[in-house]
Amino acid sequence: MFKASELRQKEIINISDGKRLGFVSDVEINMETGTIEAIIIPSESKFFRLFSKENDIVIPWHEIKKVGIDVILIDYNLK
């Protein structure tokens, strides 16, 4: 078991292409069940990140394959 705050310290790596996506900026939590529904990664563009969160990448929890000590491995097709 781990805390949601611990996710922010882990780097996200997409196993489908080996790309490092950055770190978790936020999580979506289902308030009724208390479960994490998705993790959110900031968009690649630092300029747009200052003004909007529209381009953030939302990774559904079912796409997460492994939460390790230092990284989170996902298998996600970035569109």
C-alpha atoms as a PDB file:
ATOM      1  CA  MET A   1       0.000   0.000   0.000  1.00  0.00           C
ATOM      2  CA  PHE A   2       1.166   3.545  -0.683  1.00  0.00           C
ATOM      3  CA  LYS A   3      -0.050   7.096  -0.231  1.00  0.00           C
ATOM      4  CA  ALA A   4      -1.287   9.176  -3.158  1.00  0.00           C
ATOM      5  CA  SER A   5       1.290  11.823  -2.230  1.00  0.00           C
ATOM      6  CA  GLU A   6       4.070   9.276  -2.820  1.00  0.00           C
ATOM      7  CA  LEU A   7       3.036   8.998  -6.477  1.00  0.00           C
ATOM      8  CA  ARG A   8       4.239  12.564  -7.100  1.00  0.00           C
ATOM      9  CA  GLN A   9       7.812  11.503  -6.372  1.00  0.00           C
ATOM     10  CA  LYS A  10       7.858   8.772  -9.022  1.00  0.00           C
ATOM     11  CA  GLU A  11       8.802   9.205 -12.664  1.00  0.00           C
ATOM     12  CA  ILE A  12       6.357   7.912 -15.288  1.00  0.00           C
ATOM     13  CA  ILE A  13       7.753   5.683 -18.046  1.00  0.00           C
ATOM     14  CA  ASN A  14       5.661   4.427 -20.950  1.00  0.00           C
ATOM     15  CA  ILE A  15       6.686   0.839 -21.694  1.00  0.00           C
ATOM     16  CA  SER A  16       5.124   0.951 -25.174  1.00  0.00           C
ATOM     17  CA  ASP A  17       7.819   3.346 -26.435  1.00  0.00           C
ATOM     18  CA  GLY A  18      10.267   3.715 -23.517  1.00  0.00           C
ATOM     19  CA  LYS A  19       9.557   7.436 -23.224  1.00  0.00           C
ATOM     20  CA  ARG A  20       9.952   9.252 -19.913  1.00  0.00           C
ATOM     21  CA  LEU A  21       6.813  11.316 -19.429  1.00  0.00           C
ATOM     22  CA  GLY A  22       7.713  13.198 -16.268  1.00  0.00           C
ATOM     23  CA  PHE A  23       6.250  13.101 -12.801  1.00  0.00           C
ATOM     24  CA  VAL A  24       2.692  12.880 -11.515  1.00  0.00           C
ATOM     25  CA  SER A  25       1.225  16.344 -10.995  1.00  0.00           C
ATOM     26  CA  ASP A  26      -2.168  15.283  -9.669  1.00  0.00           C
ATOM     27  CA  VAL A  27      -4.482  12.317  -9.181  1.00  0.00           C
ATOM     28  CA  GLU A  28      -8.188  11.792  -9.817  1.00  0.00           C
ATOM     29  CA  ILE A  29      -9.880  10.151  -6.859  1.00  0.00           C
ATOM     30  CA  ASN A  30     -13.341   8.611  -6.786  1.00  0.00           C
ATOM     31  CA  MET A  31     -14.754  10.227  -3.662  1.00  0.00           C
ATOM     32  CA  GLU A  32     -17.404   7.534  -3.197  1.00  0.00           C
ATOM     33  CA  THR A  33     -14.998   4.588  -3.207  1.00  0.00           C
ATOM     34  CA  GLY A  34     -11.789   6.352  -2.190  1.00  0.00           C
ATOM     35  CA  THR A  35      -9.904   4.785  -5.102  1.00  0.00           C
ATOM     36  CA  ILE A  36      -7.532   6.457  -7.533  1.00  0.00           C
ATOM     37  CA  GLU A  37      -9.143   6.656 -10.978  1.00  0.00           C
ATOM     38  CA  ALA A  38      -6.259   8.254 -12.903  1.00  0.00           C
ATOM     39  CA  ILE A  39      -2.924  10.002 -12.627  1.00  0.00           C
ATOM     40  CA  ILE A  40      -2.273  13.323 -14.332  1.00  0.00           C
ATOM     41  CA  ILE A  41       0.989  14.312 -15.983  1.00  0.00           C
ATOM     42  CA  PRO A  42       1.676  17.904 -17.102  1.00  0.00           C
ATOM     43  CA  SER A  43       1.791  18.525 -20.831  1.00  0.00           C
ATOM     44  CA  GLU A  44       5.230  18.632 -22.430  1.00  0.00           C
ATOM     45  CA  SER A  45       4.984  22.314 -23.279  1.00  0.00           C
ATOM     46  CA  LYS A  46       6.121  24.395 -20.309  1.00  0.00           C
ATOM     47  CA  PHE A  47       4.675  27.565 -21.868  1.00  0.00           C
ATOM     48  CA  PHE A  48       1.148  26.202 -22.045  1.00  0.00           C
ATOM     49  CA  ARG A  49       1.420  24.584 -18.622  1.00  0.00           C
ATOM     50  CA  LEU A  50       1.652  28.031 -17.025  1.00  0.00           C
ATOM     51  CA  PHE A  51      -1.698  29.107 -18.410  1.00  0.00           C
ATOM     52  CA  SER A  52      -3.827  26.004 -18.780  1.00  0.00           C
ATOM     53  CA  LYS A  53      -4.205  22.434 -17.644  1.00  0.00           C
ATOM     54  CA  GLU A  54      -6.168  21.484 -20.778  1.00  0.00           C
ATOM     55  CA  ASN A  55      -3.166  19.750 -22.339  1.00  0.00           C
ATOM     56  CA  ASP A  56      -2.356  17.629 -19.296  1.00  0.00           C
ATOM     57  CA  ILE A  57      -2.116  13.896 -19.940  1.00  0.00           C
ATOM     58  CA  VAL A  58      -4.658  11.850 -17.980  1.00  0.00           C
ATOM     59  CA  ILE A  59      -3.595   8.232 -17.539  1.00  0.00           C
ATOM     60  CA  PRO A  60      -6.418   5.930 -16.377  1.00  0.00           C
ATOM     61  CA  TRP A  61      -5.416   3.738 -13.445  1.00  0.00           C
ATOM     62  CA  HIS A  62      -6.003   0.536 -15.454  1.00  0.00           C
ATOM     63  CA  GLU A  63      -3.159   1.603 -17.811  1.00  0.00           C
ATOM     64  CA  ILE A  64      -0.649   1.454 -14.944  1.00  0.00           C
ATOM     65  CA  LYS A  65       1.274  -1.801 -15.095  1.00  0.00           C
ATOM     66  CA  LYS A  66       3.643  -1.448 -12.125  1.00  0.00           C
ATOM     67  CA  VAL A  67       4.308   1.034  -9.330  1.00  0.00           C
ATOM     68  CA  GLY A  68       7.945   0.615  -8.364  1.00  0.00           C
ATOM     69  CA  ILE A  69      10.206   2.260  -5.812  1.00  0.00           C
ATOM     70  CA  ASP A  70      11.309   5.059  -8.171  1.00  0.00           C
ATOM     71  CA  VAL A  71       9.092   4.784 -11.260  1.00  0.00           C
ATOM     72  CA  ILE A  72       5.583   4.035 -12.462  1.00  0.00           C
ATOM     73  CA  LEU A  73       5.386   1.909 -15.600  1.00  0.00           C
ATOM     74  CA  ILE A  74       2.417   2.490 -17.882  1.00  0.00           C
ATOM     75  CA  ASP A  75       1.336   1.006 -21.195  1.00  0.00           C
ATOM     76  CA  TYR A  76      -0.460   3.892 -22.846  1.00  0.00           C
ATOM     77  CA  ASN A  77      -0.959   4.981 -26.428  1.00  0.00           C
ATOM     78  CA  LEU A  78      -0.356   8.741 -26.363  1.00  0.00           C
ATOM     79  CA  LYS A  79      -2.463  10.381 -29.040  1.00  0.00           C
END
